[in-house]
Amino acid sequence: MPAPSSILLLHGLGGSGLGTVKLLEEHLVASGWDKAVYLRPTLQAVHLPPEGKPMDRVFVQAWDEMNAFLGTRVPHLTVGFSFGGLLSAFSPSPLRLSVCSPWAQLSADAIQRAAAKPGWRILHGGEDDRVPPGDHLGMLPESLPLTLDPAGTHDFDAWMPRIVDWVHASWDAFQEAR
């Protein structure tokens, strides 16, 4: 199965393009996706959100930053961690993957709009205490492909090999469905 040729990786609150998303890139390259162009922007709205700023405003600012960064580019795959997964759901990529994202931060209408576009998949850690599955997964439509990793936490680096396996499996399923 051919690998994606361009991949957008989005970090979470307080993160940057040099943290977990860089580790994911390193793992994907080591797993054979070494010809892809990796895009790892540090979105300032997410990297250093002003204290007390409403999350819906942080989301809009981050969305604007992501779109300005992309310009006319449409990556084949987008993977977002935590808050970055919220953005991933709305990226222009045909396959959008969200890992342990705080869905309660978005309106039900926004989630329905993201779910209406095919190619969105969710991975969540069963042991995530920062974004507990019980508080956030109930916001999602039942029709969305959802994988719950029973031992997954918000420490993504600790279970990166399983995340990489899920990214590969998601890409393969997407390719087979085309």
C-alpha atoms as a PDB file:
ATOM      1  CA  MET A   1       0.000   0.000   0.000  1.00  0.00           C
ATOM      2  CA  PRO A   2       1.517   3.385  -0.936  1.00  0.00           C
ATOM      3  CA  ALA A   3       2.332   5.752   1.910  1.00  0.00           C
ATOM      4  CA  PRO A   4       0.904   9.269   2.032  1.00  0.00           C
ATOM      5  CA  SER A   5       3.157  11.814   0.345  1.00  0.00           C
ATOM      6  CA  SER A   6       2.301  14.685   2.709  1.00  0.00           C
ATOM      7  CA  ILE A   7       1.368  14.547   6.391  1.00  0.00           C
ATOM      8  CA  LEU A   8       0.257  17.385   8.670  1.00  0.00           C
ATOM      9  CA  LEU A   9       0.964  16.795  12.378  1.00  0.00           C
ATOM     10  CA  LEU A  10      -0.797  19.025  14.933  1.00  0.00           C
ATOM     11  CA  HIS A  11       0.236  19.431  18.572  1.00  0.00           C
ATOM     12  CA  GLY A  12      -1.871  20.009  21.671  1.00  0.00           C
ATOM     13  CA  LEU A  13      -2.163  22.903  24.133  1.00  0.00           C
ATOM     14  CA  GLY A  14       1.237  24.023  25.359  1.00  0.00           C
ATOM     15  CA  GLY A  15       2.951  21.824  22.782  1.00  0.00           C
ATOM     16  CA  SER A  16       4.936  22.630  19.673  1.00  0.00           C
ATOM     17  CA  GLY A  17       6.031  21.153  16.383  1.00  0.00           C
ATOM     18  CA  LEU A  18       9.121  19.825  18.172  1.00  0.00           C
ATOM     19  CA  GLY A  19       7.492  17.557  20.774  1.00  0.00           C
ATOM     20  CA  THR A  20       5.171  14.575  20.395  1.00  0.00           C
ATOM     21  CA  VAL A  21       4.467  15.344  16.735  1.00  0.00           C
ATOM     22  CA  LYS A  22       8.194  15.204  15.972  1.00  0.00           C
ATOM     23  CA  LEU A  23       8.381  11.845  17.754  1.00  0.00           C
ATOM     24  CA  LEU A  24       5.456  10.599  15.649  1.00  0.00           C
ATOM     25  CA  GLU A  25       7.256  11.741  12.506  1.00  0.00           C
ATOM     26  CA  GLU A  26      10.422   9.888  13.571  1.00  0.00           C
ATOM     27  CA  HIS A  27       8.423   6.697  14.178  1.00  0.00           C
ATOM     28  CA  LEU A  28       6.585   6.992  10.853  1.00  0.00           C
ATOM     29  CA  VAL A  29       9.853   7.561   8.981  1.00  0.00           C
ATOM     30  CA  ALA A  30      11.397   4.522  10.725  1.00  0.00           C
ATOM     31  CA  SER A  31       8.346   2.453   9.776  1.00  0.00           C
ATOM     32  CA  GLY A  32       8.887   3.114   6.076  1.00  0.00           C
ATOM     33  CA  TRP A  33       7.097   6.407   5.483  1.00  0.00           C
ATOM     34  CA  ASP A  34      10.418   8.099   4.776  1.00  0.00           C
ATOM     35  CA  LYS A  35       9.492   9.787   1.488  1.00  0.00           C
ATOM     36  CA  ALA A  36       6.591  11.832   2.872  1.00  0.00           C
ATOM     37  CA  VAL A  37       6.753  15.580   3.391  1.00  0.00           C
ATOM     38  CA  TYR A  38       6.011  16.195   7.069  1.00  0.00           C
ATOM     39  CA  LEU A  39       4.448  19.470   8.156  1.00  0.00           C
ATOM     40  CA  ARG A  40       4.779  20.224  11.894  1.00  0.00           C
ATOM     41  CA  PRO A  41       3.831  23.849  12.480  1.00  0.00           C
ATOM     42  CA  THR A  42       3.943  25.341  15.950  1.00  0.00           C
ATOM     43  CA  LEU A  43       0.568  27.061  16.182  1.00  0.00           C
ATOM     44  CA  GLN A  44       1.015  30.001  18.551  1.00  0.00           C
ATOM     45  CA  ALA A  45      -2.664  30.032  19.569  1.00  0.00           C
ATOM     46  CA  VAL A  46      -2.239  26.481  20.876  1.00  0.00           C
ATOM     47  CA  HIS A  47       1.424  26.681  21.937  1.00  0.00           C
ATOM     48  CA  LEU A  48       0.908  29.663  24.253  1.00  0.00           C
ATOM     49  CA  PRO A  49      -2.815  30.346  24.657  1.00  0.00           C
ATOM     50  CA  PRO A  50      -3.460  33.481  26.727  1.00  0.00           C
ATOM     51  CA  GLU A  51      -4.606  32.589  30.222  1.00  0.00           C
ATOM     52  CA  GLY A  52      -8.360  32.911  30.542  1.00  0.00           C
ATOM     53  CA  LYS A  53      -9.005  33.098  26.793  1.00  0.00           C
ATOM     54  CA  PRO A  54     -12.133  31.066  25.954  1.00  0.00           C
ATOM     55  CA  MET A  55     -11.262  27.806  24.202  1.00  0.00           C
ATOM     56  CA  ASP A  56     -13.641  28.549  21.332  1.00  0.00           C
ATOM     57  CA  ARG A  57     -11.579  31.679  20.580  1.00  0.00           C
ATOM     58  CA  VAL A  58      -8.331  29.695  20.864  1.00  0.00           C
ATOM     59  CA  PHE A  59      -9.802  27.194  18.392  1.00  0.00           C
ATOM     60  CA  VAL A  60     -10.753  29.892  15.870  1.00  0.00           C
ATOM     61  CA  GLN A  61      -7.319  31.522  16.095  1.00  0.00           C
ATOM     62  CA  ALA A  62      -5.580  28.135  15.736  1.00  0.00           C
ATOM     63  CA  TRP A  63      -7.847  27.256  12.794  1.00  0.00           C
ATOM     64  CA  ASP A  64      -6.856  30.522  11.092  1.00  0.00           C
ATOM     65  CA  GLU A  65      -3.157  29.827  11.779  1.00  0.00           C
ATOM     66  CA  MET A  66      -3.417  26.291  10.394  1.00  0.00           C
ATOM     67  CA  ASN A  67      -5.110  27.488   7.207  1.00  0.00           C
ATOM     68  CA  ALA A  68      -2.603  30.319   6.731  1.00  0.00           C
ATOM     69  CA  PHE A  69       0.241  27.813   7.176  1.00  0.00           C
ATOM     70  CA  LEU A  70      -1.281  25.401   4.657  1.00  0.00           C
ATOM     71  CA  GLY A  71      -2.178  28.009   2.054  1.00  0.00           C
ATOM     72  CA  THR A  72      -3.233  25.971  -0.972  1.00  0.00           C
ATOM     73  CA  ARG A  73      -1.605  22.730   0.241  1.00  0.00           C
ATOM     74  CA  VAL A  74      -3.867  19.792   1.055  1.00  0.00           C
ATOM     75  CA  PRO A  75      -1.932  17.121   2.968  1.00  0.00           C
ATOM     76  CA  HIS A  76      -2.968  13.525   2.286  1.00  0.00           C
ATOM     77  CA  LEU A  77      -3.150  12.831   6.020  1.00  0.00           C
ATOM     78  CA  THR A  78      -3.562  14.942   9.152  1.00  0.00           C
ATOM     79  CA  VAL A  79      -2.901  13.611  12.662  1.00  0.00           C
ATOM     80  CA  GLY A  80      -3.689  15.775  15.673  1.00  0.00           C
ATOM     81  CA  PHE A  81      -3.026  15.167  19.356  1.00  0.00           C
ATOM     82  CA  SER A  82      -5.416  16.470  22.015  1.00  0.00           C
ATOM     83  CA  PHE A  83      -6.371  20.052  21.009  1.00  0.00           C
ATOM     84  CA  GLY A  84      -4.621  19.430  17.679  1.00  0.00           C
ATOM     85  CA  GLY A  85      -7.107  16.618  17.110  1.00  0.00           C
ATOM     86  CA  LEU A  86      -9.930  19.154  17.258  1.00  0.00           C
ATOM     87  CA  LEU A  87      -8.244  21.008  14.404  1.00  0.00           C
ATOM     88  CA  SER A  88      -7.490  17.784  12.564  1.00  0.00           C
ATOM     89  CA  ALA A  89     -11.207  17.026  12.345  1.00  0.00           C
ATOM     90  CA  PHE A  90     -11.639  20.165  10.223  1.00  0.00           C
ATOM     91  CA  SER A  91      -8.453  20.015   8.147  1.00  0.00           C
ATOM     92  CA  PRO A  92      -8.750  19.765   4.353  1.00  0.00           C
ATOM     93  CA  SER A  93      -7.038  16.339   4.305  1.00  0.00           C
ATOM     94  CA  PRO A  94      -9.015  13.393   2.949  1.00  0.00           C
ATOM     95  CA  LEU A  95      -7.957  11.357   6.028  1.00  0.00           C
ATOM     96  CA  ARG A  96      -8.114  13.124   9.383  1.00  0.00           C
ATOM     97  CA  LEU A  97      -7.026  11.404  12.593  1.00  0.00           C
ATOM     98  CA  SER A  98      -7.633  12.703  16.118  1.00  0.00           C
ATOM     99  CA  VAL A  99      -5.907  11.289  19.209  1.00  0.00           C
ATOM    100  CA  CYS A 100      -7.354  11.882  22.715  1.00  0.00           C
ATOM    101  CA  SER A 101      -9.120  15.117  21.851  1.00  0.00           C
ATOM    102  CA  PRO A 102     -11.326  17.183  24.194  1.00  0.00           C
ATOM    103  CA  TRP A 103     -14.568  17.030  22.193  1.00  0.00           C
ATOM    104  CA  ALA A 104     -16.519  18.746  24.973  1.00  0.00           C
ATOM    105  CA  GLN A 105     -14.706  21.958  23.900  1.00  0.00           C
ATOM    106  CA  LEU A 106     -16.694  21.991  20.633  1.00  0.00           C
ATOM    107  CA  SER A 107     -20.392  22.451  20.010  1.00  0.00           C
ATOM    108  CA  ALA A 108     -22.479  19.473  18.926  1.00  0.00           C
ATOM    109  CA  ASP A 109     -23.146  21.310  15.652  1.00  0.00           C
ATOM    110  CA  ALA A 110     -19.411  21.691  14.943  1.00  0.00           C
ATOM    111  CA  ILE A 111     -18.828  17.996  15.625  1.00  0.00           C
ATOM    112  CA  GLN A 112     -21.694  17.053  13.299  1.00  0.00           C
ATOM    113  CA  ARG A 113     -20.189  19.234  10.536  1.00  0.00           C
ATOM    114  CA  ALA A 114     -16.802  17.521  10.916  1.00  0.00           C
ATOM    115  CA  ALA A 115     -18.438  14.081  10.953  1.00  0.00           C
ATOM    116  CA  ALA A 116     -20.374  14.860   7.765  1.00  0.00           C
ATOM    117  CA  LYS A 117     -17.103  14.846   5.796  1.00  0.00           C
ATOM    118  CA  PRO A 118     -15.859  11.265   5.279  1.00  0.00           C
ATOM    119  CA  GLY A 119     -12.356  10.287   6.367  1.00  0.00           C
ATOM    120  CA  TRP A 120     -12.332  11.180  10.059  1.00  0.00           C
ATOM    121  CA  ARG A 121     -11.185   8.600  12.626  1.00  0.00           C
ATOM    122  CA  ILE A 122     -10.701   8.801  16.392  1.00  0.00           C
ATOM    123  CA  LEU A 123      -8.240   7.120  18.781  1.00  0.00           C
ATOM    124  CA  HIS A 124      -8.668   7.583  22.509  1.00  0.00           C
ATOM    125  CA  GLY A 125      -6.812   6.223  25.511  1.00  0.00           C
ATOM    126  CA  GLY A 126      -8.929   4.387  28.044  1.00  0.00           C
ATOM    127  CA  GLU A 127      -6.643   5.590  30.856  1.00  0.00           C
ATOM    128  CA  ASP A 128      -6.498   9.235  29.718  1.00  0.00           C
ATOM    129  CA  ASP A 129      -7.078  11.270  32.889  1.00  0.00           C
ATOM    130  CA  ARG A 130      -6.606  14.683  31.190  1.00  0.00           C
ATOM    131  CA  VAL A 131      -9.291  14.046  28.578  1.00  0.00           C
ATOM    132  CA  PRO A 132     -11.328  11.236  30.166  1.00  0.00           C
ATOM    133  CA  PRO A 133     -13.116   9.127  27.562  1.00  0.00           C
ATOM    134  CA  GLY A 134     -16.374   9.192  29.526  1.00  0.00           C
ATOM    135  CA  ASP A 135     -16.447  12.991  29.435  1.00  0.00           C
ATOM    136  CA  HIS A 136     -15.618  13.412  25.753  1.00  0.00           C
ATOM    137  CA  LEU A 137     -16.476  10.395  23.601  1.00  0.00           C
ATOM    138  CA  GLY A 138     -20.206  10.740  24.250  1.00  0.00           C
ATOM    139  CA  MET A 139     -20.121  13.940  22.183  1.00  0.00           C
ATOM    140  CA  LEU A 140     -19.225  11.991  19.034  1.00  0.00           C
ATOM    141  CA  PRO A 141     -21.671  10.451  16.551  1.00  0.00           C
ATOM    142  CA  GLU A 142     -21.813   6.662  16.868  1.00  0.00           C
ATOM    143  CA  SER A 143     -21.108   6.335  13.146  1.00  0.00           C
ATOM    144  CA  LEU A 144     -17.536   7.635  13.519  1.00  0.00           C
ATOM    145  CA  PRO A 145     -14.768   5.033  13.467  1.00  0.00           C
ATOM    146  CA  LEU A 146     -13.504   5.052  17.058  1.00  0.00           C
ATOM    147  CA  THR A 147     -10.693   2.992  18.548  1.00  0.00           C
ATOM    148  CA  LEU A 148     -10.343   2.876  22.326  1.00  0.00           C
ATOM    149  CA  ASP A 149      -6.881   1.789  23.467  1.00  0.00           C
ATOM    150  CA  PRO A 150      -7.524   0.396  26.967  1.00  0.00           C
ATOM    151  CA  ALA A 151      -4.052   1.297  28.287  1.00  0.00           C
ATOM    152  CA  GLY A 152      -3.612   4.591  26.405  1.00  0.00           C
ATOM    153  CA  THR A 153      -3.008   7.764  28.434  1.00  0.00           C
ATOM    154  CA  HIS A 154      -2.394  11.438  27.671  1.00  0.00           C
ATOM    155  CA  ASP A 155       1.347  10.635  27.768  1.00  0.00           C
ATOM    156  CA  PHE A 156       1.415   9.956  24.029  1.00  0.00           C
ATOM    157  CA  ASP A 157       5.150   9.326  23.898  1.00  0.00           C
ATOM    158  CA  ALA A 158       4.690   6.305  26.195  1.00  0.00           C
ATOM    159  CA  TRP A 159       2.374   4.513  23.754  1.00  0.00           C
ATOM    160  CA  MET A 160       3.665   5.953  20.482  1.00  0.00           C
ATOM    161  CA  PRO A 161       4.280   2.509  18.894  1.00  0.00           C
ATOM    162  CA  ARG A 162       0.558   1.682  19.254  1.00  0.00           C
ATOM    163  CA  ILE A 163      -0.400   5.111  17.925  1.00  0.00           C
ATOM    164  CA  VAL A 164       1.844   4.514  14.895  1.00  0.00           C
ATOM    165  CA  ASP A 165       0.210   1.114  14.317  1.00  0.00           C
ATOM    166  CA  TRP A 166      -3.217   2.795  14.434  1.00  0.00           C
ATOM    167  CA  VAL A 167      -2.107   5.515  11.983  1.00  0.00           C
ATOM    168  CA  HIS A 168      -0.883   2.815   9.569  1.00  0.00           C
ATOM    169  CA  ALA A 169      -4.071   0.761   9.963  1.00  0.00           C
ATOM    170  CA  SER A 170      -6.208   3.871   9.427  1.00  0.00           C
ATOM    171  CA  TRP A 171      -4.278   4.793   6.282  1.00  0.00           C
ATOM    172  CA  ASP A 172      -4.542   1.232   4.929  1.00  0.00           C
ATOM    173  CA  ALA A 173      -8.310   1.111   5.586  1.00  0.00           C
ATOM    174  CA  PHE A 174      -8.708   4.505   3.917  1.00  0.00           C
ATOM    175  CA  GLN A 175      -6.747   3.341   0.850  1.00  0.00           C
ATOM    176  CA  GLU A 176      -8.714   0.095   0.589  1.00  0.00           C
ATOM    177  CA  ALA A 177     -12.017   1.989   0.726  1.00  0.00           C
ATOM    178  CA  ARG A 178     -11.059   4.238  -2.211  1.00  0.00           C
END
